[in-house]
């Protein structure tokens, strides 16, 4: 009702103010339109209060000047992540030894030069074919081969005989690329990824001109655990060791909450402090399904890691890479 009147009883001229009882919930309103209206009103009020609080805080900060307390860091799933005991310490001797003797050591010691074979699932459709062709412009020294009913088990020995260091297989479902298998030759390991959010070059807004043949720089972000390190090394081993900085091209694998986002950019120095970037494409997102010892073997392969959703995804803040 309205405000009280000195003589007792409500004042008829006072404006009506919405006052819900303390335990009242909007969802108790039976009428759908009324409920929706009340909900919007409540939201509006929340927004107002939030803005007022923000203003108040800003004024306080300005008044305090240099003595203002540092801004609070917002909580995100990422920075609240559950600690993983396999997180790699850069000074760990055991990790250093493992990496000096693993399957990628010849690449990191510059004994091998990457040579990549990109192939597809059987009889690929247009979009997958175009994706493979564009991927071949991102990864130097890569060759696209269209599979015509040939089993992967038979392709691998041929690849090894021809000095290929890696095999990439793009799988598709209903004409859309939906999976990527990356196998390091000759001894493995093999990683299976689910692939999503594929954007080809022409579907990217404000894209730059076609990529040049310069060797790109590679950025690997956030691969912190032992498993993450292995996957990061797999991606690194696809690209030649010495990037040609003159091409100003960068391939980025950014891991966030176990999703690996791939982007391909060119940067341009506008001034000493300002850098502009153009996305060249393609872009896609990967999610690791399994990591297998040795080369591709779906029947008798020995798995180092398999993503089991029901057992592993117990907490939204638990990540494996």
Protein backbone atom coordinates (compact mmCIF):
# COMPACT_ATOMS: atom_id res chain seq x y z
CA UNK A 1 0.00 0.00 0.00
CA UNK A 2 1.00 3.67 0.30
CA UNK A 3 2.83 5.45 3.11
CA UNK A 4 1.23 6.01 6.56
CA UNK A 5 -0.77 9.16 7.34
CA UNK A 6 -0.42 10.92 10.75
CA UNK A 7 -4.09 10.29 11.42
CA UNK A 8 -3.60 6.52 10.86
CA UNK A 9 -4.50 4.46 7.75
CA UNK A 10 -2.75 4.58 4.34
CA UNK A 11 -2.24 7.83 2.49
CA UNK A 12 -4.21 7.56 -0.78
CA UNK A 13 -1.97 10.08 -2.58
CA UNK A 14 1.35 8.22 -1.86
CA UNK A 15 2.88 6.38 -4.89
CA UNK A 16 2.58 2.61 -4.75
CA UNK A 17 5.88 0.83 -3.97
CA UNK A 18 6.49 -2.85 -4.65
CA UNK A 19 7.15 -4.55 -1.36
CA UNK A 20 7.43 -8.30 -1.36
CA UNK A 21 7.33 -10.16 1.95
CA UNK A 22 10.85 -11.39 2.85
CA UNK A 23 10.17 -15.03 1.96
CA UNK A 24 8.23 -14.24 -1.23
CA UNK A 25 9.42 -15.79 -4.47
CA UNK A 26 8.39 -14.51 -7.90
CA UNK A 27 7.88 -18.09 -9.03
CA UNK A 28 4.86 -18.32 -6.69
CA UNK A 29 2.87 -15.94 -8.91
CA UNK A 30 0.48 -18.13 -10.86
CA UNK A 31 -0.26 -15.73 -13.72
CA UNK A 32 2.47 -16.11 -16.33
CA UNK A 33 2.41 -12.53 -17.65
CA UNK A 34 2.33 -11.05 -14.18
CA UNK A 35 5.16 -13.35 -13.10
CA UNK A 36 7.25 -12.35 -16.10
CA UNK A 37 6.57 -8.66 -15.48
CA UNK A 38 7.55 -8.97 -11.81
CA UNK A 39 10.67 -10.87 -12.72
CA UNK A 40 11.76 -8.16 -15.17
CA UNK A 41 11.10 -5.53 -12.53
CA UNK A 42 13.19 -7.44 -10.02
CA UNK A 43 16.02 -7.82 -12.55
CA UNK A 44 15.92 -4.10 -13.24
CA UNK A 45 16.19 -3.36 -9.54
CA UNK A 46 19.17 -5.72 -9.21
CA UNK A 47 20.89 -3.99 -12.11
CA UNK A 48 20.29 -0.57 -10.56
CA UNK A 49 21.72 -1.66 -7.23
CA UNK A 50 24.76 -3.17 -8.94
CA UNK A 51 25.43 0.00 -10.91
CA UNK A 52 25.01 2.17 -7.81
CA UNK A 53 27.50 -0.01 -5.92
CA UNK A 54 29.94 0.21 -8.85
CA UNK A 55 29.65 4.01 -8.90
CA UNK A 56 30.14 4.21 -5.16
CA UNK A 57 33.27 2.03 -5.35
CA UNK A 58 34.69 4.06 -8.22
CA UNK A 59 34.18 7.30 -6.29
CA UNK A 60 35.87 5.79 -3.23
CA UNK A 61 38.83 4.68 -5.37
CA UNK A 62 39.15 8.13 -6.91
CA UNK A 63 38.98 9.77 -3.49
CA UNK A 64 41.72 7.48 -2.15
CA UNK A 65 43.88 7.99 -5.24
CA UNK A 66 47.16 6.08 -4.90
CA UNK A 67 46.13 4.61 -1.56
CA UNK A 68 43.22 2.71 -3.11
CA UNK A 69 43.35 -1.05 -2.46
CA UNK A 70 44.22 -3.17 -5.51
CA UNK A 71 41.28 -4.31 -7.62
CA UNK A 72 39.91 -7.73 -6.74
CA UNK A 73 40.60 -10.48 -9.28
CA UNK A 74 37.28 -11.93 -10.52
CA UNK A 75 36.76 -15.61 -9.76
CA UNK A 76 36.72 -17.81 -12.85
CA UNK A 77 36.52 -21.56 -13.27
CA UNK A 78 40.02 -21.31 -14.70
CA UNK A 79 41.71 -19.61 -11.75
CA UNK A 80 39.78 -21.72 -9.24
CA UNK A 81 40.96 -24.94 -10.83
CA UNK A 82 41.55 -27.95 -8.60
CA UNK A 83 45.28 -28.57 -8.17
CA UNK A 84 46.58 -31.39 -10.34
CA UNK A 85 49.44 -33.40 -8.86
CA UNK A 86 50.93 -33.93 -12.33
CA UNK A 87 51.45 -30.19 -12.93
CA UNK A 88 54.93 -29.84 -14.34
CA UNK A 89 57.62 -27.94 -12.47
CA UNK A 90 60.05 -26.49 -15.06
CA UNK A 91 63.05 -27.52 -12.90
CA UNK A 92 61.96 -31.14 -12.41
CA UNK A 93 64.87 -33.41 -13.40
CA UNK A 94 62.61 -36.40 -14.01
CA UNK A 95 60.52 -34.44 -16.52
CA UNK A 96 63.67 -33.11 -18.18
CA UNK A 97 64.99 -36.67 -18.55
CA UNK A 98 61.66 -37.96 -19.91
CA UNK A 99 61.52 -35.19 -22.46
CA UNK A 100 65.12 -35.74 -23.51
CA UNK A 101 64.33 -39.38 -24.31
CA UNK A 102 60.68 -39.33 -25.49
CA UNK A 103 59.46 -39.89 -29.07
CA UNK A 104 59.74 -36.17 -29.88
CA UNK A 105 63.37 -35.81 -28.73
CA UNK A 106 64.80 -36.23 -32.28
CA UNK A 107 62.65 -33.27 -33.40
CA UNK A 108 63.64 -31.05 -30.46
CA UNK A 109 67.30 -32.03 -30.94
CA UNK A 110 66.91 -31.00 -34.61
CA UNK A 111 67.68 -34.46 -35.93
CA UNK A 112 64.41 -34.71 -37.87
CA UNK A 113 62.54 -32.22 -40.03
CA UNK A 114 58.73 -32.38 -39.80
CA UNK A 115 56.99 -33.77 -42.86
CA UNK A 116 53.24 -34.15 -42.42
CA UNK A 117 50.65 -36.21 -44.27
CA UNK A 118 47.11 -34.83 -43.97
CA UNK A 119 44.37 -37.25 -44.94
CA UNK A 120 40.66 -37.67 -44.36
CA UNK A 121 38.06 -40.23 -43.49
CA UNK A 122 36.81 -42.21 -46.47
CA UNK A 123 35.31 -40.20 -49.34
CA UNK A 124 35.30 -36.77 -47.72
CA UNK A 125 32.80 -34.07 -48.69
CA UNK A 126 33.50 -30.53 -49.82
CA UNK A 127 33.88 -28.81 -46.46
CA UNK A 128 36.33 -31.37 -45.09
CA UNK A 129 38.36 -31.25 -48.31
CA UNK A 130 38.60 -27.45 -48.12
CA UNK A 131 39.54 -27.63 -44.44
CA UNK A 132 42.41 -30.04 -45.22
CA UNK A 133 43.66 -27.79 -48.00
CA UNK A 134 43.64 -24.77 -45.69
CA UNK A 135 45.34 -26.72 -42.90
CA UNK A 136 48.10 -27.59 -45.38
CA UNK A 137 48.77 -23.85 -45.88
CA UNK A 138 49.19 -23.43 -42.10
CA UNK A 139 51.56 -26.36 -41.51
CA UNK A 140 54.70 -26.11 -43.67
CA UNK A 141 55.90 -29.21 -45.52
CA UNK A 142 52.50 -30.93 -45.31
CA UNK A 143 50.87 -32.94 -48.09
CA UNK A 144 47.16 -33.66 -48.52
CA UNK A 145 46.23 -37.17 -49.62
CA UNK A 146 42.66 -38.28 -50.26
CA UNK A 147 41.95 -41.68 -48.87
CA UNK A 148 40.23 -44.04 -51.23
CA UNK A 149 39.17 -46.89 -49.01
CA UNK A 150 42.71 -47.51 -47.72
CA UNK A 151 42.94 -48.61 -44.06
CA UNK A 152 45.02 -46.40 -41.77
CA UNK A 153 46.97 -49.49 -40.72
CA UNK A 154 48.17 -49.75 -44.33
CA UNK A 155 48.85 -46.03 -44.78
CA UNK A 156 51.19 -45.83 -41.76
CA UNK A 157 53.96 -48.15 -43.10
CA UNK A 158 53.88 -46.25 -46.41
CA UNK A 159 54.23 -42.94 -44.53
CA UNK A 160 57.19 -44.24 -42.51
CA UNK A 161 58.86 -45.51 -45.69
CA UNK A 162 58.55 -42.04 -47.21
CA UNK A 163 59.96 -40.23 -44.15
CA UNK A 164 56.74 -38.64 -42.94
CA UNK A 165 57.06 -37.63 -39.28
CA UNK A 166 53.34 -37.16 -38.55
CA UNK A 167 49.98 -38.26 -39.85
CA UNK A 168 46.86 -36.13 -39.40
CA UNK A 169 43.46 -37.65 -40.14
CA UNK A 170 40.39 -35.41 -40.31
CA UNK A 171 37.15 -37.28 -39.65
CA UNK A 172 33.72 -35.97 -40.53
CA UNK A 173 30.10 -36.53 -39.69
CA UNK A 174 27.26 -35.34 -41.96
CA UNK A 175 29.76 -33.42 -44.12
CA UNK A 176 31.15 -31.50 -41.10
CA UNK A 177 34.73 -32.10 -39.80
CA UNK A 178 34.24 -33.46 -36.26
CA UNK A 179 37.40 -35.34 -35.31
CA UNK A 180 41.17 -35.21 -35.64
CA UNK A 181 43.65 -38.03 -35.16
CA UNK A 182 47.28 -37.01 -34.79
CA UNK A 183 49.83 -39.81 -34.98
CA UNK A 184 53.56 -39.22 -34.55
CA UNK A 185 55.66 -41.55 -36.71
CA UNK A 186 57.36 -43.97 -36.57
CA UNK A 187 56.69 -44.94 -32.91
CA UNK A 188 53.69 -42.89 -31.83
CA UNK A 189 52.08 -41.61 -29.69
CA UNK A 190 48.63 -41.10 -31.23
CA UNK A 191 46.10 -38.57 -29.96
CA UNK A 192 42.38 -38.57 -30.79
CA UNK A 193 40.57 -35.24 -30.55
CA UNK A 194 36.97 -34.22 -30.91
CA UNK A 195 36.82 -31.25 -33.26
CA UNK A 196 34.22 -28.49 -33.19
CA UNK A 197 33.60 -24.85 -34.20
CA UNK A 198 35.46 -25.20 -37.50
CA UNK A 199 35.56 -21.92 -39.41
CA UNK A 200 37.04 -21.90 -42.88
CA UNK A 201 38.88 -18.89 -44.24
CA UNK A 202 35.93 -17.36 -46.07
CA UNK A 203 33.70 -17.61 -42.97
CA UNK A 204 35.98 -15.43 -40.84
CA UNK A 205 35.03 -11.78 -40.64
CA UNK A 206 37.77 -9.22 -41.32
CA UNK A 207 40.24 -11.87 -42.40
CA UNK A 208 43.67 -10.96 -43.69
CA UNK A 209 45.12 -11.79 -47.10
CA UNK A 210 46.06 -15.41 -47.86
CA UNK A 211 48.91 -16.80 -45.75
CA UNK A 212 52.40 -16.77 -47.26
CA UNK A 213 54.76 -19.73 -47.32
CA UNK A 214 56.84 -18.48 -44.42
CA UNK A 215 57.33 -20.83 -41.47
CA UNK A 216 55.04 -19.54 -38.69
CA UNK A 217 55.88 -19.01 -35.05
CA UNK A 218 54.08 -21.39 -32.69
CA UNK A 219 52.54 -20.39 -29.37
CA UNK A 220 51.43 -23.04 -26.87
CA UNK A 221 49.42 -21.60 -23.98
CA UNK A 222 48.50 -23.25 -20.69
CA UNK A 223 49.68 -26.84 -21.23
CA UNK A 224 50.68 -27.34 -17.61
CA UNK A 225 50.30 -31.01 -16.60
CA UNK A 226 52.34 -34.00 -17.78
CA UNK A 227 49.56 -34.92 -20.19
CA UNK A 228 49.32 -31.30 -21.34
CA UNK A 229 53.07 -31.23 -21.93
CA UNK A 230 52.87 -34.35 -24.11
CA UNK A 231 50.07 -32.84 -26.18
CA UNK A 232 51.92 -29.51 -26.48
CA UNK A 233 55.05 -31.31 -27.69
CA UNK A 234 52.95 -33.15 -30.29
CA UNK A 235 51.67 -29.84 -31.70
CA UNK A 236 55.12 -28.23 -31.57
CA UNK A 237 56.62 -31.14 -33.53
CA UNK A 238 54.35 -30.40 -36.51
CA UNK A 239 56.15 -27.15 -37.31
CA UNK A 240 59.75 -26.58 -38.43
CA UNK A 241 62.07 -25.42 -35.67
CA UNK A 242 63.12 -22.04 -37.00
CA UNK A 243 60.22 -19.68 -37.66
CA UNK A 244 60.72 -17.06 -40.35
CA UNK A 245 59.85 -13.92 -38.41
CA UNK A 246 59.76 -11.92 -41.62
CA UNK A 247 56.43 -13.64 -42.46
CA UNK A 248 54.93 -12.43 -39.14
CA UNK A 249 52.63 -15.44 -38.99
CA UNK A 250 51.65 -17.11 -35.73
CA UNK A 251 49.91 -20.42 -35.07
CA UNK A 252 48.43 -20.51 -31.57
CA UNK A 253 47.22 -23.52 -29.59
CA UNK A 254 45.53 -22.07 -26.53
CA UNK A 255 44.32 -24.48 -23.85
CA UNK A 256 41.50 -23.27 -21.65
CA UNK A 257 39.45 -25.62 -19.46
CA UNK A 258 40.79 -28.56 -21.55
CA UNK A 259 39.52 -27.10 -24.81
CA UNK A 260 42.34 -26.36 -27.24
CA UNK A 261 41.55 -23.34 -29.39
CA UNK A 262 43.53 -23.04 -32.62
CA UNK A 263 44.03 -19.65 -34.30
CA UNK A 264 46.27 -18.53 -37.15
CA UNK A 265 47.20 -14.83 -37.31
CA UNK A 266 49.47 -12.38 -39.00
CA UNK A 267 50.70 -9.41 -36.99
CA UNK A 268 51.72 -5.98 -38.22
CA UNK A 269 53.74 -3.41 -36.28
CA UNK A 270 51.83 -0.15 -36.57
CA UNK A 271 54.27 1.71 -34.33
CA UNK A 272 56.79 0.84 -31.65
CA UNK A 273 54.02 0.15 -29.15
CA UNK A 274 51.02 -0.82 -31.27
CA UNK A 275 50.63 -4.16 -33.00
CA UNK A 276 47.71 -5.00 -35.28
CA UNK A 277 46.67 -8.59 -35.90
CA UNK A 278 44.72 -10.15 -38.74
CA UNK A 279 43.22 -13.59 -38.47
CA UNK A 280 44.07 -15.74 -41.47
CA UNK A 281 42.12 -18.88 -40.59
CA UNK A 282 41.11 -21.62 -40.44
CA UNK A 283 40.08 -21.82 -36.78
CA UNK A 284 38.87 -24.82 -34.81
CA UNK A 285 38.55 -26.20 -31.29
CA UNK A 286 39.87 -29.57 -30.09
CA UNK A 287 39.03 -31.66 -27.04
CA UNK A 288 41.31 -34.59 -26.23
CA UNK A 289 39.53 -37.95 -26.21
CA UNK A 290 42.48 -40.30 -25.78
CA UNK A 291 46.25 -40.61 -26.00
CA UNK A 292 47.64 -43.90 -27.22
CA UNK A 293 51.14 -45.35 -27.09
CA UNK A 294 52.48 -46.30 -30.51
CA UNK A 295 50.87 -45.51 -33.88
CA UNK A 296 47.18 -45.79 -34.69
CA UNK A 297 45.75 -49.09 -33.50
CA UNK A 298 42.13 -49.02 -32.42
CA UNK A 299 41.98 -52.71 -31.52
CA UNK A 300 45.17 -53.61 -29.67
CA UNK A 301 46.50 -50.14 -28.91
CA UNK A 302 47.80 -49.43 -25.42
CA UNK A 303 46.19 -46.27 -24.07
CA UNK A 304 48.09 -43.83 -21.86
CA UNK A 305 44.99 -41.74 -21.19
CA UNK A 306 41.30 -41.96 -22.06
CA UNK A 307 38.71 -39.34 -21.23
CA UNK A 308 36.01 -41.07 -19.21
CA UNK A 309 33.37 -38.45 -18.61
CA UNK A 310 31.46 -40.08 -15.77
CA UNK A 311 34.55 -40.91 -13.73
CA UNK A 312 36.74 -37.92 -14.52
CA UNK A 313 34.36 -34.99 -14.76
CA UNK A 314 33.39 -34.98 -11.10
CA UNK A 315 34.17 -31.29 -10.61
CA UNK A 316 33.74 -28.43 -13.06
CA UNK A 317 37.08 -27.09 -11.86
CA UNK A 318 39.11 -30.23 -12.55
CA UNK A 319 41.18 -30.09 -15.74
CA UNK A 320 43.57 -32.63 -17.22
CA UNK A 321 45.78 -30.57 -19.53
